[in-house]
Amino acid sequence: MNGDKINNIKKEKVLAYATVCFLVKENKILLAIKGRHIGEGCWNGYGGGIDVGEKPKEAAVRELKEETNGVIALPEDLEKIAEIDFHNTKSDGRNFVCKVHFYLVKKWQGEIQGTEEMLNPTWFDIENLPLEKMMPADKKWLPIALSGKKIKASPKYGPFQKELLEDFEIEEVVCFND
């Protein structure tokens, strides 16, 4: 195995549970370019892994504060819009599933700033998302979730979450169990 392949395998982040927050106002959504880890180089919302003993909303609030350099939202101000089980194939062929809880945040305090992890925060019209520059599954599920529907899905990704391995179904739900 050559050195580049070994380095790439080491860089593959494995998460079992994560959160993503999308700040929204006046029919606009805030996205930033992921500076590292899963989704590097793609427009995305703010989030990351759920720590042991942490509830999804607590993790979402913590990650939002860390990745915006200080924005504060309260757990009760997060509206869950999606729960997605990402089935990931690593470059060595092993698989892992990451359950990601997605939230809209319409109320927060503080100024949004770029960080090493989230570069160039930019407001986009919800009807004109940069879908071709987002994670591959986002172009299918995110517009549906942003239209007011609550959804669940299970997309399957190849190594580094760069490509979808197959099409996937989206299930509308009335509510979530958490």
Protein backbone atom coordinates (compact mmCIF):
# COMPACT_ATOMS: atom_id res chain seq x y z
CA MET A 1 0.00 0.00 0.00
CA ASN A 2 1.50 3.35 -0.94
CA GLY A 3 1.92 6.25 1.50
CA ASP A 4 -0.87 8.37 -0.01
CA LYS A 5 -3.41 5.59 0.42
CA ILE A 6 -2.32 5.03 4.03
CA ASN A 7 -2.64 8.79 4.74
CA ASN A 8 -6.10 8.89 3.13
CA ILE A 9 -7.32 5.96 5.23
CA LYS A 10 -6.12 7.70 8.40
CA LYS A 11 -7.98 10.89 7.42
CA GLU A 12 -11.34 9.15 7.03
CA LYS A 13 -13.44 10.27 9.97
CA VAL A 14 -15.85 7.74 11.42
CA LEU A 15 -18.84 9.03 13.38
CA ALA A 16 -21.82 7.07 14.68
CA TYR A 17 -24.00 10.06 15.64
CA ALA A 18 -23.89 13.67 14.50
CA THR A 19 -25.92 16.85 14.11
CA VAL A 20 -26.21 19.63 11.54
CA CYS A 21 -27.89 23.02 12.05
CA PHE A 22 -29.09 25.31 9.31
CA LEU A 23 -29.58 28.93 10.36
CA VAL A 24 -32.49 30.43 8.45
CA LYS A 25 -34.05 33.89 8.17
CA GLU A 26 -36.27 35.64 5.63
CA ASN A 27 -36.28 32.67 3.20
CA LYS A 28 -32.47 32.47 3.31
CA ILE A 29 -30.22 29.76 4.71
CA LEU A 30 -26.68 30.14 6.03
CA LEU A 31 -24.11 27.72 4.63
CA ALA A 32 -20.34 27.63 4.92
CA ILE A 33 -17.62 25.60 3.24
CA LYS A 34 -16.42 22.69 5.35
CA GLY A 35 -12.72 23.20 6.02
CA ARG A 36 -11.98 19.63 7.13
CA HIS A 37 -13.37 16.17 7.84
CA ILE A 38 -16.58 14.83 6.32
CA GLY A 39 -17.80 17.16 3.58
CA GLU A 40 -14.50 19.03 3.22
CA GLY A 41 -14.78 21.61 0.43
CA CYS A 42 -18.60 21.41 0.29
CA TRP A 43 -21.21 23.96 1.33
CA ASN A 44 -22.87 22.69 4.49
CA GLY A 45 -24.66 23.58 7.69
CA TYR A 46 -23.00 23.69 11.10
CA GLY A 47 -22.53 20.55 13.14
CA GLY A 48 -20.49 17.58 14.15
CA GLY A 49 -20.30 14.53 16.35
CA ILE A 50 -22.44 13.86 19.40
CA ASP A 51 -20.31 13.26 22.49
CA VAL A 52 -20.98 10.35 24.85
CA GLY A 53 -23.86 11.25 27.18
CA GLU A 54 -24.89 14.23 25.05
CA LYS A 55 -28.37 14.59 23.56
CA PRO A 56 -28.61 15.51 19.85
CA LYS A 57 -29.94 19.03 20.51
CA GLU A 58 -27.21 19.66 23.11
CA ALA A 59 -24.57 18.59 20.59
CA ALA A 60 -26.16 20.77 17.89
CA VAL A 61 -26.06 23.83 20.16
CA ARG A 62 -22.44 23.13 21.17
CA GLU A 63 -21.27 22.53 17.60
CA LEU A 64 -23.06 25.64 16.33
CA LYS A 65 -21.28 27.76 18.94
CA GLU A 66 -17.89 26.19 18.15
CA GLU A 67 -18.18 26.41 14.37
CA THR A 68 -19.51 29.99 14.23
CA ASN A 69 -17.11 31.30 16.88
CA GLY A 70 -19.81 32.12 19.39
CA VAL A 71 -23.39 31.98 18.03
CA ILE A 72 -25.73 30.83 20.79
CA ALA A 73 -29.02 29.02 20.19
CA LEU A 74 -31.22 27.35 22.77
CA PRO A 75 -32.24 23.69 22.36
CA GLU A 76 -35.92 24.68 22.33
CA ASP A 77 -35.23 26.94 19.33
CA LEU A 78 -34.08 24.01 17.16
CA GLU A 79 -36.66 22.47 14.84
CA LYS A 80 -35.79 18.96 13.71
CA ILE A 81 -36.35 18.53 9.96
CA ALA A 82 -34.54 15.28 9.14
CA GLU A 83 -32.97 12.17 10.54
CA ILE A 84 -30.68 10.51 8.06
CA ASP A 85 -28.71 7.28 8.41
CA PHE A 86 -25.69 7.71 6.16
CA HIS A 87 -24.28 4.30 5.19
CA ASN A 88 -20.62 4.90 4.46
CA THR A 89 -18.07 2.65 2.75
CA LYS A 90 -14.49 3.44 3.70
CA SER A 91 -11.63 3.18 1.21
CA ASP A 92 -10.54 -0.09 2.89
CA GLY A 93 -14.01 -1.57 2.20
CA ARG A 94 -15.29 -1.43 5.78
CA ASN A 95 -18.68 0.17 6.44
CA PHE A 96 -20.15 2.38 9.13
CA VAL A 97 -23.46 4.14 9.63
CA CYS A 98 -23.74 7.69 10.92
CA LYS A 99 -27.16 8.85 12.14
CA VAL A 100 -27.36 12.62 11.59
CA HIS A 101 -30.03 14.82 13.19
CA PHE A 102 -30.72 17.94 11.08
CA TYR A 103 -32.22 21.11 12.57
CA LEU A 104 -33.45 24.52 11.45
CA VAL A 105 -32.49 27.41 13.72
CA LYS A 106 -34.56 30.57 13.31
CA LYS A 107 -33.56 32.29 16.56
CA TRP A 108 -30.03 32.81 17.87
CA GLN A 109 -27.73 35.36 19.44
CA GLY A 110 -24.30 36.49 18.29
CA GLU A 111 -22.46 37.29 15.11
CA ILE A 112 -21.62 34.50 12.67
CA GLN A 113 -17.93 34.27 11.89
CA GLY A 114 -15.90 31.95 9.72
CA THR A 115 -13.68 29.42 11.50
CA GLU A 116 -11.06 26.88 10.37
CA GLU A 117 -13.80 24.27 10.22
CA MET A 118 -16.45 26.42 8.50
CA LEU A 119 -15.16 28.87 5.90
CA ASN A 120 -16.87 31.78 4.15
CA PRO A 121 -20.33 31.81 5.81
CA THR A 122 -22.80 32.88 3.11
CA TRP A 123 -26.57 33.42 2.98
CA PHE A 124 -28.36 31.67 0.09
CA ASP A 125 -31.97 31.89 -1.07
CA ILE A 126 -33.64 28.64 -0.02
CA GLU A 127 -34.94 28.26 -3.59
CA ASN A 128 -31.44 28.71 -5.03
CA LEU A 129 -29.13 26.43 -3.03
CA PRO A 130 -25.62 25.61 -4.33
CA LEU A 131 -26.65 21.92 -4.56
CA GLU A 132 -23.92 20.96 -7.02
CA LYS A 133 -21.33 22.10 -4.47
CA MET A 134 -22.92 20.35 -1.49
CA MET A 135 -22.75 16.75 -0.28
CA PRO A 136 -24.14 14.44 -3.01
CA ALA A 137 -27.24 13.30 -1.06
CA ASP A 138 -28.18 16.89 -0.14
CA LYS A 139 -29.55 17.70 -3.58
CA LYS A 140 -32.28 15.07 -3.13
CA TRP A 141 -33.33 15.37 0.53
CA LEU A 142 -32.55 18.96 1.59
CA PRO A 143 -35.06 20.79 -0.68
CA ILE A 144 -37.79 18.44 0.57
CA ALA A 145 -36.92 19.07 4.22
CA LEU A 146 -36.69 22.82 3.65
CA SER A 147 -40.18 22.76 2.10
CA GLY A 148 -41.61 22.00 5.55
CA LYS A 149 -41.68 18.22 5.46
CA LYS A 150 -40.03 16.08 8.14
CA ILE A 151 -38.09 13.23 6.60
CA LYS A 152 -35.98 10.14 7.14
CA ALA A 153 -33.60 8.62 4.59
CA SER A 154 -30.68 6.17 4.30
CA PRO A 155 -28.29 7.15 1.49
CA LYS A 156 -25.21 5.01 0.78
CA TYR A 157 -21.89 6.76 0.20
CA GLY A 158 -18.56 5.61 -1.15
CA PRO A 159 -15.21 6.56 0.41
CA PHE A 160 -14.95 10.07 1.87
CA GLN A 161 -18.67 10.60 1.15
CA LYS A 162 -17.80 11.91 -2.32
CA GLU A 163 -20.33 9.85 -4.29
CA LEU A 164 -23.66 8.13 -3.79
CA LEU A 165 -23.49 4.40 -4.45
CA GLU A 166 -27.18 4.14 -5.34
CA ASP A 167 -30.43 6.09 -5.34
CA PHE A 168 -32.31 6.21 -2.03
CA GLU A 169 -35.86 6.60 -0.78
CA ILE A 170 -37.11 9.46 1.37
CA GLU A 171 -39.77 8.76 3.97
CA GLU A 172 -42.01 11.53 5.25
CA VAL A 173 -42.72 11.32 8.99
CA VAL A 174 -45.12 13.21 11.25
CA CYS A 175 -42.61 13.54 14.09
CA PHE A 176 -39.35 12.16 15.46
CA ASN A 177 -38.90 10.02 18.57
CA ASP A 178 -36.51 12.37 20.38
